[in-house]
Amino acid sequence: MKKVWSKVFRPGEKWSGCIGRSKYVRFKALGEDANMALLLYNMRDTSERYNMPDTLKGQCTAHLTTGNVLMSDNGRVLASIVEDSLGWHDTITGLTTRAATDAKYGESTYQRDRNDWLRSGMENVAMELERNDMSLRDLVPCVNLFSKVYVNEDGSMHYEPGWCKEGSTVTLRTEMDCIVILSNTPNPLNPATTYPAVPVEVQVFDAPATDLCDPCVTHRPENYRAFENTREYYELLGL
């Protein structure tokens, strides 16, 4: 595979950029209890974006792993998960806020702490949305890579400490040209009282076109239909 790009994200770091279809995007935790918030938007039309309810309902799951796809609100596949050393990534807890970050880890401001200030996921994503001609009106639920959160019988949500080990990996394959927004900020339910300082490496490689026998295509009938919708979209664009 030809490597296209790589970057190590420091704790609290954010990023957004365009990643074309047929790319592997590989995430590697460089420490325990990593968390990388991920959002996806159609690069050509940002009104189309990752849809959490359709993704989970269509695949009869509340978490993501190998074989699952990230569906858009137009019934297409933005990305699929082709490799996963963990088997569970959180889809339901969302982003940390400024208030929650201050309450858990101590008040922190850029004016006082400069680059050592403790960033929140919501602030990071808000800035990257603006950079891509969007706003908080375009915010959707994120995927929290590397985190395991499950719901107990009483309806309470439980974060599993120690789920992510150093060296854990997950690889996505882009099925559409995407705007990708990333925030290396803690999972909101992480019980640690010290701000988690876990770098995450991201590498992008060229990937072959997805064929109809791919495990992500055959995982569910809904996946197959979503891939068909994606193929039709690009055929009509002449791409």
Protein backbone atom coordinates (compact mmCIF):
# COMPACT_ATOMS: atom_id res chain seq x y z
CA MET A 1 0.00 0.00 0.00
CA LYS A 2 1.21 3.48 -0.81
CA LYS A 3 1.19 5.78 2.22
CA VAL A 4 -0.33 9.15 1.38
CA TRP A 5 -0.13 11.03 4.69
CA SER A 6 0.54 10.55 8.40
CA LYS A 7 0.29 12.61 11.54
CA VAL A 8 0.57 12.10 15.29
CA PHE A 9 -2.16 13.95 17.16
CA ARG A 10 -1.13 15.34 20.52
CA PRO A 11 -3.65 15.23 23.41
CA GLY A 12 -6.31 17.88 22.77
CA GLU A 13 -5.31 18.39 19.13
CA LYS A 14 -7.89 18.83 16.38
CA TRP A 15 -7.83 18.59 12.58
CA SER A 16 -10.02 18.65 9.53
CA GLY A 17 -9.32 17.92 5.89
CA CYS A 18 -10.57 16.33 2.69
CA ILE A 19 -9.85 12.64 2.18
CA GLY A 20 -10.88 11.18 -1.16
CA ARG A 21 -12.68 7.88 -1.58
CA SER A 22 -10.77 4.60 -1.76
CA LYS A 23 -8.36 5.46 1.04
CA TYR A 24 -7.49 3.50 4.16
CA VAL A 25 -7.44 5.74 7.25
CA ARG A 26 -5.63 3.88 10.03
CA PHE A 27 -5.80 5.05 13.66
CA LYS A 28 -3.31 3.76 16.24
CA ALA A 29 -3.46 4.51 19.97
CA LEU A 30 -0.04 5.40 21.35
CA GLY A 31 -1.17 4.85 24.94
CA GLU A 32 -4.00 3.41 27.03
CA ASP A 33 -7.54 4.86 27.12
CA ALA A 34 -7.22 6.84 23.90
CA ASN A 35 -10.27 8.52 22.39
CA MET A 36 -10.51 10.09 18.94
CA ALA A 37 -13.78 11.83 18.06
CA LEU A 38 -14.63 11.46 14.36
CA LEU A 39 -17.16 13.26 12.15
CA LEU A 40 -17.70 12.76 8.40
CA TYR A 41 -19.32 14.99 5.74
CA ASN A 42 -19.74 14.62 1.98
CA MET A 43 -16.99 16.78 0.47
CA ARG A 44 -19.21 17.86 -2.45
CA ASP A 45 -22.34 18.58 -0.42
CA THR A 46 -21.90 19.07 3.33
CA SER A 47 -25.65 18.81 3.91
CA GLU A 48 -24.98 15.07 3.60
CA ARG A 49 -23.20 13.79 6.69
CA TYR A 50 -22.78 10.82 9.04
CA ASN A 51 -26.13 9.75 10.44
CA MET A 52 -25.87 7.92 13.74
CA PRO A 53 -29.50 6.66 13.98
CA ASP A 54 -29.53 5.17 10.46
CA THR A 55 -26.05 3.65 10.94
CA LEU A 56 -27.06 1.86 14.14
CA LYS A 57 -30.62 0.94 13.18
CA GLY A 58 -29.64 -0.40 9.76
CA GLN A 59 -26.95 -2.66 11.26
CA CYS A 60 -28.82 -3.66 14.44
CA THR A 61 -26.05 -2.46 16.73
CA ALA A 62 -25.18 0.28 19.23
CA HIS A 63 -21.44 0.21 18.59
CA LEU A 64 -19.13 -0.14 15.60
CA THR A 65 -16.47 -2.65 14.62
CA THR A 66 -15.13 -4.57 11.59
CA GLY A 67 -17.78 -5.00 8.89
CA ASN A 68 -19.82 -2.01 9.98
CA VAL A 69 -20.26 1.06 7.80
CA LEU A 70 -20.84 4.73 8.62
CA MET A 71 -23.97 5.69 6.71
CA SER A 72 -25.02 9.15 5.61
CA ASP A 73 -28.47 10.66 5.98
CA ASN A 74 -28.95 9.98 2.24
CA GLY A 75 -28.57 6.22 2.64
CA ARG A 76 -25.03 6.07 1.27
CA VAL A 77 -21.77 4.79 2.78
CA LEU A 78 -19.28 7.45 3.80
CA ALA A 79 -16.76 4.95 5.22
CA SER A 80 -16.50 1.32 6.28
CA ILE A 81 -14.48 -0.36 9.03
CA VAL A 82 -12.12 -2.92 7.51
CA GLU A 83 -9.85 -3.67 10.50
CA ASP A 84 -10.31 -3.34 14.24
CA SER A 85 -8.18 -4.79 17.04
CA LEU A 86 -10.71 -3.81 19.74
CA GLY A 87 -14.16 -4.86 18.55
CA TRP A 88 -16.09 -1.92 20.00
CA HIS A 89 -16.14 1.83 19.31
CA ASP A 90 -18.53 4.22 21.02
CA THR A 91 -21.32 5.90 19.05
CA ILE A 92 -23.53 7.36 21.78
CA THR A 93 -21.69 9.61 24.24
CA GLY A 94 -20.76 12.52 21.97
CA LEU A 95 -18.24 15.27 22.72
CA THR A 96 -16.83 16.81 25.88
CA THR A 97 -17.93 20.38 26.65
CA ARG A 98 -16.06 23.32 28.15
CA ALA A 99 -18.11 23.20 31.36
CA ALA A 100 -17.64 19.46 31.83
CA THR A 101 -13.91 19.66 31.09
CA ASP A 102 -13.42 22.44 33.67
CA ALA A 103 -15.51 20.60 36.24
CA LYS A 104 -13.61 17.31 35.87
CA TYR A 105 -10.03 18.44 35.27
CA GLY A 106 -9.90 21.98 36.66
CA GLU A 107 -10.56 25.31 35.00
CA SER A 108 -8.30 25.95 32.01
CA THR A 109 -8.11 28.85 29.57
CA TYR A 110 -5.93 29.59 26.56
CA GLN A 111 -5.26 33.10 27.89
CA ARG A 112 -3.65 31.67 31.03
CA ASP A 113 -2.33 28.27 29.93
CA ARG A 114 -1.59 28.94 26.24
CA ASN A 115 -0.98 25.70 24.34
CA ASP A 116 -1.24 23.67 27.55
CA TRP A 117 -4.93 24.53 28.03
CA LEU A 118 -7.27 21.54 28.28
CA ARG A 119 -9.37 21.53 25.14
CA SER A 120 -12.91 20.21 24.86
CA GLY A 121 -14.26 18.23 21.94
CA MET A 122 -17.14 20.64 21.35
CA GLU A 123 -14.82 23.64 21.01
CA ASN A 124 -12.46 21.73 18.73
CA VAL A 125 -15.23 20.58 16.42
CA ALA A 126 -16.88 24.01 16.37
CA MET A 127 -13.64 25.56 15.09
CA GLU A 128 -13.16 22.91 12.41
CA LEU A 129 -16.77 23.27 11.24
CA GLU A 130 -16.17 27.00 10.75
CA ARG A 131 -13.04 26.27 8.73
CA ASN A 132 -15.14 24.19 6.38
CA ASP A 133 -17.90 26.81 5.88
CA MET A 134 -20.21 25.15 8.41
CA SER A 135 -21.36 25.98 11.94
CA LEU A 136 -22.72 24.31 15.07
CA ARG A 137 -26.00 23.94 13.16
CA ASP A 138 -24.15 21.26 11.17
CA LEU A 139 -22.97 19.35 14.25
CA VAL A 140 -23.99 15.67 14.34
CA PRO A 141 -23.21 12.88 16.85
CA CYS A 142 -19.61 11.75 16.55
CA VAL A 143 -17.98 8.33 16.69
CA ASN A 144 -15.56 7.98 19.61
CA LEU A 145 -12.88 5.63 18.31
CA PHE A 146 -11.11 3.43 20.91
CA SER A 147 -13.79 3.86 23.62
CA LYS A 148 -16.24 1.22 24.88
CA VAL A 149 -19.49 2.53 26.35
CA TYR A 150 -22.46 0.26 26.96
CA VAL A 151 -25.93 0.73 28.44
CA ASN A 152 -26.93 -1.16 31.58
CA GLU A 153 -30.38 -2.68 32.16
CA ASP A 154 -31.40 0.40 34.19
CA GLY A 155 -30.58 2.68 31.24
CA SER A 156 -27.34 4.07 32.66
CA MET A 157 -24.28 4.28 30.42
CA HIS A 158 -21.02 2.68 31.49
CA TYR A 159 -17.52 3.54 30.25
CA GLU A 160 -15.03 0.67 30.41
CA PRO A 161 -11.62 1.91 31.64
CA GLY A 162 -8.62 0.11 30.18
CA TRP A 163 -10.54 -1.04 27.08
CA CYS A 164 -8.05 0.62 24.73
CA LYS A 165 -4.51 -0.68 25.08
CA GLU A 166 -1.35 0.95 23.72
CA GLY A 167 -1.01 -0.12 20.10
CA SER A 168 -4.74 -0.69 19.49
CA THR A 169 -5.76 0.05 15.89
CA VAL A 170 -8.83 0.61 13.77
CA THR A 171 -8.85 1.20 10.01
CA LEU A 172 -11.57 2.91 8.00
CA ARG A 173 -11.91 2.81 4.21
CA THR A 174 -13.45 5.91 2.66
CA GLU A 175 -16.27 5.04 0.26
CA MET A 176 -17.02 8.69 -0.61
CA ASP A 177 -14.97 11.86 -0.87
CA CYS A 178 -15.19 13.11 2.72
CA ILE A 179 -14.49 16.09 4.91
CA VAL A 180 -13.07 14.45 8.03
CA ILE A 181 -13.07 16.22 11.40
CA LEU A 182 -10.98 14.76 14.24
CA SER A 183 -10.61 15.76 17.90
CA ASN A 184 -8.19 13.96 20.21
CA THR A 185 -10.16 14.76 23.36
CA PRO A 186 -11.38 12.50 26.20
CA ASN A 187 -14.56 10.49 26.09
CA PRO A 188 -17.17 12.37 28.16
CA LEU A 189 -17.67 9.33 30.43
CA ASN A 190 -13.98 8.63 31.07
CA PRO A 191 -13.80 8.65 34.90
CA ALA A 192 -10.16 9.78 35.05
CA THR A 193 -9.72 12.99 37.05
CA THR A 194 -6.48 13.87 35.23
CA TYR A 195 -6.85 14.96 31.59
CA PRO A 196 -5.98 11.87 29.50
CA ALA A 197 -2.76 12.55 27.60
CA VAL A 198 -2.78 9.90 24.86
CA PRO A 199 -1.34 10.65 21.41
CA VAL A 200 -3.00 8.98 18.41
CA GLU A 201 -1.27 8.28 15.08
CA VAL A 202 -3.30 8.61 11.88
CA GLN A 203 -2.03 7.23 8.56
CA VAL A 204 -3.71 7.39 5.15
CA PHE A 205 -3.00 4.82 2.42
CA ASP A 206 -4.34 4.18 -1.07
CA ALA A 207 -6.99 1.45 -1.08
CA PRO A 208 -8.46 -0.67 -3.88
CA ALA A 209 -12.03 -0.09 -4.99
CA THR A 210 -14.62 -1.94 -2.91
CA ASP A 211 -16.14 -4.99 -4.61
CA LEU A 212 -19.55 -6.56 -3.95
CA CYS A 213 -18.01 -9.52 -2.09
CA ASP A 214 -16.39 -7.27 0.52
CA PRO A 215 -17.38 -8.20 4.12
CA CYS A 216 -18.59 -4.64 4.75
CA VAL A 217 -20.95 -4.93 1.77
CA THR A 218 -22.33 -8.35 2.73
CA HIS A 219 -22.51 -7.65 6.48
CA ARG A 220 -26.19 -6.65 6.29
CA PRO A 221 -28.78 -6.25 3.49
CA GLU A 222 -28.95 -2.57 4.44
CA ASN A 223 -25.21 -2.27 3.85
CA TYR A 224 -25.57 -3.72 0.35
CA ARG A 225 -28.29 -1.21 -0.53
CA ALA A 226 -26.22 1.66 0.85
CA PHE A 227 -23.23 0.62 -1.27
CA GLU A 228 -25.51 0.44 -4.31
CA ASN A 229 -26.71 3.99 -3.58
CA THR A 230 -23.09 5.14 -3.28
CA ARG A 231 -22.11 3.51 -6.59
CA GLU A 232 -25.09 5.10 -8.35
CA TYR A 233 -24.18 8.52 -6.92
CA TYR A 234 -20.70 8.43 -8.47
CA GLU A 235 -21.89 6.91 -11.72
CA LEU A 236 -24.32 9.81 -12.19
CA LEU A 237 -21.50 12.25 -11.43
CA GLY A 238 -19.40 10.52 -14.10
CA LEU A 239 -16.70 9.65 -11.60
